[in-house]
Amino acid sequence: MRKCCICGKQLTGMGNNPFPVKTSGRCCDNCNIKSVIPERIKQMVKDVSENKEKEEL
């Protein structure tokens, strides 16, 4: 069985892409919900804010 690259627990099913928290491996649903998705949202908001600032210049 494969293990989550973030918490080390056994994966059920296919697992999830852990990027941007980790760059390789697969993560469990719990880590995806609690770590990966919030980090993706933070990065998306940061990118949108930076692009907005550039457009205002």
Protein backbone atom coordinates (compact mmCIF):
# COMPACT_ATOMS: atom_id res chain seq x y z
CA MET A 1 0.00 0.00 0.00
CA ARG A 2 1.11 3.54 -0.72
CA LYS A 3 1.48 6.10 2.04
CA CYS A 4 0.58 9.78 2.20
CA CYS A 5 3.67 11.87 1.48
CA ILE A 6 2.54 14.47 4.06
CA CYS A 7 1.34 12.52 7.12
CA GLY A 8 2.57 9.01 6.33
CA LYS A 9 -0.79 7.25 6.72
CA GLN A 10 -1.89 4.62 4.23
CA LEU A 11 -3.74 5.92 1.19
CA THR A 12 -7.15 4.71 0.19
CA GLY A 13 -7.95 4.94 -3.49
CA MET A 14 -5.71 6.94 -5.82
CA GLY A 15 -4.69 9.67 -3.39
CA ASN A 16 -4.37 13.33 -4.35
CA ASN A 17 -1.76 15.58 -5.93
CA PRO A 18 0.06 17.19 -2.96
CA PHE A 19 1.40 20.22 -4.86
CA PRO A 20 2.26 22.89 -3.61
CA VAL A 21 2.82 21.35 -0.16
CA LYS A 22 5.02 18.58 -1.61
CA THR A 23 6.37 18.22 -5.12
CA SER A 24 6.14 14.43 -5.42
CA GLY A 25 4.09 11.52 -4.13
CA ARG A 26 0.40 11.34 -3.31
CA CYS A 27 -1.48 12.65 -0.27
CA CYS A 28 -4.52 11.39 1.61
CA ASP A 29 -7.92 13.09 1.49
CA ASN A 30 -7.44 14.54 4.98
CA CYS A 31 -4.13 16.24 4.10
CA ASN A 32 -5.60 17.39 0.80
CA ILE A 33 -8.48 19.10 2.61
CA LYS A 34 -6.51 20.48 5.57
CA SER A 35 -3.19 21.39 3.94
CA VAL A 36 -3.06 21.27 0.16
CA ILE A 37 -6.29 23.06 -0.81
CA PRO A 38 -5.80 25.95 1.68
CA GLU A 39 -2.23 26.43 0.41
CA ARG A 40 -3.45 26.50 -3.20
CA ILE A 41 -6.06 29.10 -2.28
CA LYS A 42 -3.44 31.24 -0.48
CA GLN A 43 -1.16 31.13 -3.50
CA MET A 44 -4.02 31.91 -5.89
CA VAL A 45 -5.09 34.96 -3.84
CA LYS A 46 -1.45 36.13 -3.69
CA ASP A 47 -1.05 35.73 -7.46
CA VAL A 48 -4.29 37.61 -8.16
CA SER A 49 -3.24 40.43 -5.81
CA GLU A 50 0.19 40.72 -7.44
CA ASN A 51 -1.34 40.78 -10.92
CA LYS A 52 -3.83 43.45 -9.85
CA GLU A 53 -1.00 45.62 -8.51
CA LYS A 54 0.92 45.27 -11.79
CA GLU A 55 -2.15 46.29 -13.80
CA GLU A 56 -2.58 49.42 -11.70
CA LEU A 57 0.95 50.63 -12.53
